[in-house]
Amino acid sequence: MAKEGSLARAAEKLHVSQPSISEQIRELESAFGEKLFQRDGRNNKLTAAGRVVFG
């Protein structure tokens, strides 16, 4: 999602459902204890923590 900018585009590219991408992101954020994406409507951008993780 970091490269695609949206859950829908990432899910389509990976041939998985959008809810499965969302769940994986929630699990990663929980594991790191940080928000990794700033969600703005349909657009998503990496937070500072996200840039460190996905840098």
PDB file of N, CA and C in Angstrom:
ATOM      1  N   MET A   1       0.815  -1.181   0.000  1.00  0.00           N
ATOM      2  CA  MET A   1       0.000   0.000   0.000  1.00  0.00           C
ATOM      3  C   MET A   1       0.860   1.247   0.000  1.00  0.00           C
ATOM      4  N   ALA A   2       2.016   1.165   0.583  1.00  0.00           N
ATOM      5  CA  ALA A   2       2.881   2.333   0.636  1.00  0.00           C
ATOM      6  C   ALA A   2       3.185   2.857  -0.764  1.00  0.00           C
ATOM      7  N   LYS A   3       3.440   1.976  -1.695  1.00  0.00           N
ATOM      8  CA  LYS A   3       3.754   2.399  -3.057  1.00  0.00           C
ATOM      9  C   LYS A   3       2.499   2.735  -3.852  1.00  0.00           C
ATOM     10  N   GLU A   4       1.420   2.030  -3.588  1.00  0.00           N
ATOM     11  CA  GLU A   4       0.200   2.207  -4.372  1.00  0.00           C
ATOM     12  C   GLU A   4      -0.619   3.415  -3.926  1.00  0.00           C
ATOM     13  N   GLY A   5      -0.556   3.778  -2.645  1.00  0.00           N
ATOM     14  CA  GLY A   5      -1.294   4.942  -2.157  1.00  0.00           C
ATOM     15  C   GLY A   5      -2.723   4.663  -1.753  1.00  0.00           C
ATOM     16  N   SER A   6      -3.234   3.486  -2.071  1.00  0.00           N
ATOM     17  CA  SER A   6      -4.603   3.151  -1.666  1.00  0.00           C
ATOM     18  C   SER A   6      -4.723   1.656  -1.418  1.00  0.00           C
ATOM     19  N   LEU A   7      -5.617   1.334  -0.514  1.00  0.00           N
ATOM     20  CA  LEU A   7      -5.861  -0.074  -0.209  1.00  0.00           C
ATOM     21  C   LEU A   7      -6.392  -0.825  -1.418  1.00  0.00           C
ATOM     22  N   ALA A   8      -7.301  -0.201  -2.134  1.00  0.00           N
ATOM     23  CA  ALA A   8      -7.919  -0.869  -3.282  1.00  0.00           C
ATOM     24  C   ALA A   8      -6.883  -1.217  -4.349  1.00  0.00           C
ATOM     25  N   ARG A   9      -6.001  -0.268  -4.673  1.00  0.00           N
ATOM     26  CA  ARG A   9      -4.974  -0.533  -5.693  1.00  0.00           C
ATOM     27  C   ARG A   9      -3.982  -1.594  -5.217  1.00  0.00           C
ATOM     28  N   ALA A  10      -3.613  -1.527  -3.946  1.00  0.00           N
ATOM     29  CA  ALA A  10      -2.689  -2.536  -3.403  1.00  0.00           C
ATOM     30  C   ALA A  10      -3.326  -3.915  -3.440  1.00  0.00           C
ATOM     31  N   ALA A  11      -4.590  -4.010  -3.027  1.00  0.00           N
ATOM     32  CA  ALA A  11      -5.288  -5.293  -3.021  1.00  0.00           C
ATOM     33  C   ALA A  11      -5.399  -5.856  -4.436  1.00  0.00           C
ATOM     34  N   GLU A  12      -5.728  -5.002  -5.381  1.00  0.00           N
ATOM     35  CA  GLU A  12      -5.858  -5.445  -6.771  1.00  0.00           C
ATOM     36  C   GLU A  12      -4.517  -5.967  -7.300  1.00  0.00           C
ATOM     37  N   LYS A  13      -3.461  -5.231  -7.018  1.00  0.00           N
ATOM     38  CA  LYS A  13      -2.143  -5.626  -7.504  1.00  0.00           C
ATOM     39  C   LYS A  13      -1.684  -6.948  -6.888  1.00  0.00           C
ATOM     40  N   LEU A  14      -2.045  -7.181  -5.616  1.00  0.00           N
ATOM     41  CA  LEU A  14      -1.626  -8.393  -4.912  1.00  0.00           C
ATOM     42  C   LEU A  14      -2.622  -9.551  -5.061  1.00  0.00           C
ATOM     43  N   HIS A  15      -3.744  -9.287  -5.710  1.00  0.00           N
ATOM     44  CA  HIS A  15      -4.783 -10.297  -5.917  1.00  0.00           C
ATOM     45  C   HIS A  15      -5.327 -10.834  -4.589  1.00  0.00           C
ATOM     46  N   VAL A  16      -5.564  -9.901  -3.654  1.00  0.00           N
ATOM     47  CA  VAL A  16      -6.176 -10.237  -2.368  1.00  0.00           C
ATOM     48  C   VAL A  16      -7.295  -9.246  -2.105  1.00  0.00           C
ATOM     49  N   SER A  17      -8.083  -9.517  -1.076  1.00  0.00           N
ATOM     50  CA  SER A  17      -9.187  -8.611  -0.769  1.00  0.00           C
ATOM     51  C   SER A  17      -8.697  -7.393   0.007  1.00  0.00           C
ATOM     52  N   GLN A  18      -9.423  -6.303  -0.135  1.00  0.00           N
ATOM     53  CA  GLN A  18      -9.091  -5.083   0.593  1.00  0.00           C
ATOM     54  C   GLN A  18      -9.150  -5.308   2.107  1.00  0.00           C
ATOM     55  N   PRO A  19     -10.162  -6.027   2.629  1.00  0.00           N
ATOM     56  CA  PRO A  19     -10.189  -6.269   4.076  1.00  0.00           C
ATOM     57  C   PRO A  19      -8.960  -7.036   4.583  1.00  0.00           C
ATOM     58  N   SER A  20      -8.410  -7.930   3.770  1.00  0.00           N
ATOM     59  CA  SER A  20      -7.230  -8.665   4.228  1.00  0.00           C
ATOM     60  C   SER A  20      -6.020  -7.733   4.324  1.00  0.00           C
ATOM     61  N   ILE A  21      -5.911  -6.775   3.415  1.00  0.00           N
ATOM     62  CA  ILE A  21      -4.832  -5.779   3.496  1.00  0.00           C
ATOM     63  C   ILE A  21      -5.010  -4.939   4.760  1.00  0.00           C
ATOM     64  N   SER A  22      -6.229  -4.505   5.013  1.00  0.00           N
ATOM     65  CA  SER A  22      -6.509  -3.687   6.202  1.00  0.00           C
ATOM     66  C   SER A  22      -6.144  -4.437   7.476  1.00  0.00           C
ATOM     67  N   GLU A  23      -6.491  -5.700   7.534  1.00  0.00           N
ATOM     68  CA  GLU A  23      -6.197  -6.504   8.719  1.00  0.00           C
ATOM     69  C   GLU A  23      -4.683  -6.649   8.913  1.00  0.00           C
ATOM     70  N   GLN A  24      -3.956  -6.883   7.844  1.00  0.00           N
ATOM     71  CA  GLN A  24      -2.501  -7.008   7.945  1.00  0.00           C
ATOM     72  C   GLN A  24      -1.874  -5.706   8.436  1.00  0.00           C
ATOM     73  N   ILE A  25      -2.382  -4.590   7.962  1.00  0.00           N
ATOM     74  CA  ILE A  25      -1.867  -3.293   8.406  1.00  0.00           C
ATOM     75  C   ILE A  25      -2.153  -3.101   9.893  1.00  0.00           C
ATOM     76  N   ARG A  26      -3.370  -3.429  10.332  1.00  0.00           N
ATOM     77  CA  ARG A  26      -3.705  -3.323  11.761  1.00  0.00           C
ATOM     78  C   ARG A  26      -2.772  -4.182  12.602  1.00  0.00           C
ATOM     79  N   GLU A  27      -2.485  -5.385  12.135  1.00  0.00           N
ATOM     80  CA  GLU A  27      -1.595  -6.273  12.876  1.00  0.00           C
ATOM     81  C   GLU A  27      -0.176  -5.712  12.943  1.00  0.00           C
ATOM     82  N   LEU A  28       0.316  -5.160  11.843  1.00  0.00           N
ATOM     83  CA  LEU A  28       1.645  -4.544  11.844  1.00  0.00           C
ATOM     84  C   LEU A  28       1.695  -3.347  12.787  1.00  0.00           C
ATOM     85  N   GLU A  29       0.661  -2.507  12.726  1.00  0.00           N
ATOM     86  CA  GLU A  29       0.627  -1.340  13.601  1.00  0.00           C
ATOM     87  C   GLU A  29       0.563  -1.756  15.065  1.00  0.00           C
ATOM     88  N   SER A  30      -0.159  -2.800  15.346  1.00  0.00           N
ATOM     89  CA  SER A  30      -0.224  -3.306  16.710  1.00  0.00           C
ATOM     90  C   SER A  30       1.130  -3.852  17.154  1.00  0.00           C
ATOM     91  N   ALA A  31       1.787  -4.590  16.284  1.00  0.00           N
ATOM     92  CA  ALA A  31       3.089  -5.170  16.616  1.00  0.00           C
ATOM     93  C   ALA A  31       4.138  -4.090  16.864  1.00  0.00           C
ATOM     94  N   PHE A  32       4.117  -3.026  16.064  1.00  0.00           N
ATOM     95  CA  PHE A  32       5.084  -1.949  16.215  1.00  0.00           C
ATOM     96  C   PHE A  32       4.660  -0.916  17.256  1.00  0.00           C
ATOM     97  N   GLY A  33       3.383  -0.932  17.621  1.00  0.00           N
ATOM     98  CA  GLY A  33       2.882   0.047  18.583  1.00  0.00           C
ATOM     99  C   GLY A  33       2.842   1.458  18.033  1.00  0.00           C
ATOM    100  N   GLU A  34       2.759   1.567  16.734  1.00  0.00           N
ATOM    101  CA  GLU A  34       2.761   2.868  16.043  1.00  0.00           C
ATOM    102  C   GLU A  34       1.832   2.811  14.845  1.00  0.00           C
ATOM    103  N   LYS A  35       1.260   3.942  14.505  1.00  0.00           N
ATOM    104  CA  LYS A  35       0.534   4.046  13.246  1.00  0.00           C
ATOM    105  C   LYS A  35       1.550   4.111  12.124  1.00  0.00           C
ATOM    106  N   LEU A  36       1.366   3.310  11.104  1.00  0.00           N
ATOM    107  CA  LEU A  36       2.305   3.274   9.982  1.00  0.00           C
ATOM    108  C   LEU A  36       1.807   4.076   8.787  1.00  0.00           C
ATOM    109  N   PHE A  37       0.499   4.298   8.743  1.00  0.00           N
ATOM    110  CA  PHE A  37      -0.095   5.048   7.638  1.00  0.00           C
ATOM    111  C   PHE A  37      -0.989   6.151   8.169  1.00  0.00           C
ATOM    112  N   GLN A  38      -0.953   7.289   7.499  1.00  0.00           N
ATOM    113  CA  GLN A  38      -1.891   8.370   7.763  1.00  0.00           C
ATOM    114  C   GLN A  38      -2.996   8.217   6.732  1.00  0.00           C
ATOM    115  N   ARG A  39      -4.193   7.969   7.210  1.00  0.00           N
ATOM    116  CA  ARG A  39      -5.313   7.750   6.302  1.00  0.00           C
ATOM    117  C   ARG A  39      -6.070   9.056   6.092  1.00  0.00           C
ATOM    118  N   ASP A  40      -6.222   9.427   4.838  1.00  0.00           N
ATOM    119  CA  ASP A  40      -6.918  10.655   4.480  1.00  0.00           C
ATOM    120  C   ASP A  40      -7.915  10.312   3.386  1.00  0.00           C
ATOM    121  N   GLY A  41      -9.106   9.934   3.818  1.00  0.00           N
ATOM    122  CA  GLY A  41     -10.094   9.490   2.847  1.00  0.00           C
ATOM    123  C   GLY A  41      -9.620   8.224   2.175  1.00  0.00           C
ATOM    124  N   ARG A  42      -9.488   8.273   0.872  1.00  0.00           N
ATOM    125  CA  ARG A  42      -9.025   7.096   0.126  1.00  0.00           C
ATOM    126  C   ARG A  42      -7.516   7.079  -0.078  1.00  0.00           C
ATOM    127  N   ASN A  43      -6.874   8.173   0.277  1.00  0.00           N
ATOM    128  CA  ASN A  43      -5.422   8.248   0.117  1.00  0.00           C
ATOM    129  C   ASN A  43      -4.746   7.883   1.432  1.00  0.00           C
ATOM    130  N   ASN A  44      -3.646   7.186   1.342  1.00  0.00           N
ATOM    131  CA  ASN A  44      -2.883   6.770   2.508  1.00  0.00           C
ATOM    132  C   ASN A  44      -1.425   7.133   2.287  1.00  0.00           C
ATOM    133  N   LYS A  45      -0.825   7.723   3.325  1.00  0.00           N
ATOM    134  CA  LYS A  45       0.586   8.090   3.255  1.00  0.00           C
ATOM    135  C   LYS A  45       1.291   7.505   4.459  1.00  0.00           C
ATOM    136  N   LEU A  46       2.555   7.192   4.290  1.00  0.00           N
ATOM    137  CA  LEU A  46       3.339   6.675   5.391  1.00  0.00           C
ATOM    138  C   LEU A  46       3.553   7.742   6.445  1.00  0.00           C
ATOM    139  N   THR A  47       3.462   7.346   7.702  1.00  0.00           N
ATOM    140  CA  THR A  47       3.852   8.215   8.798  1.00  0.00           C
ATOM    141  C   THR A  47       5.371   8.159   8.928  1.00  0.00           C
ATOM    142  N   ALA A  48       5.925   8.910   9.855  1.00  0.00           N
ATOM    143  CA  ALA A  48       7.370   8.847  10.091  1.00  0.00           C
ATOM    144  C   ALA A  48       7.764   7.417  10.476  1.00  0.00           C
ATOM    145  N   ALA A  49       6.986   6.771  11.331  1.00  0.00           N
ATOM    146  CA  ALA A  49       7.265   5.384  11.722  1.00  0.00           C
ATOM    147  C   ALA A  49       7.147   4.470  10.514  1.00  0.00           C
ATOM    148  N   GLY A  50       6.173   4.695   9.668  1.00  0.00           N
ATOM    149  CA  GLY A  50       6.000   3.890   8.463  1.00  0.00           C
ATOM    150  C   GLY A  50       7.182   4.007   7.523  1.00  0.00           C
ATOM    151  N   ARG A  51       7.743   5.224   7.418  1.00  0.00           N
ATOM    152  CA  ARG A  51       8.914   5.417   6.558  1.00  0.00           C
ATOM    153  C   ARG A  51      10.118   4.646   7.102  1.00  0.00           C
ATOM    154  N   VAL A  52      10.230   4.561   8.429  1.00  0.00           N
ATOM    155  CA  VAL A  52      11.329   3.797   9.020  1.00  0.00           C
ATOM    156  C   VAL A  52      11.145   2.307   8.716  1.00  0.00           C
ATOM    157  N   VAL A  53       9.922   1.808   8.891  1.00  0.00           N
ATOM    158  CA  VAL A  53       9.645   0.395   8.678  1.00  0.00           C
ATOM    159  C   VAL A  53       9.765   0.014   7.211  1.00  0.00           C
ATOM    160  N   PHE A  54       9.170   0.807   6.335  1.00  0.00           N
ATOM    161  CA  PHE A  54       9.116   0.465   4.920  1.00  0.00           C
ATOM    162  C   PHE A  54      10.170   1.172   4.085  1.00  0.00           C
ATOM    163  N   GLY A  55      10.917   2.096   4.744  1.00  0.00           N
ATOM    164  CA  GLY A  55      11.932   2.950   4.130  1.00  0.00           C
ATOM    165  C   GLY A  55      12.492   2.452   2.908  1.00  0.00           C
TER     166      GLY A  55
END
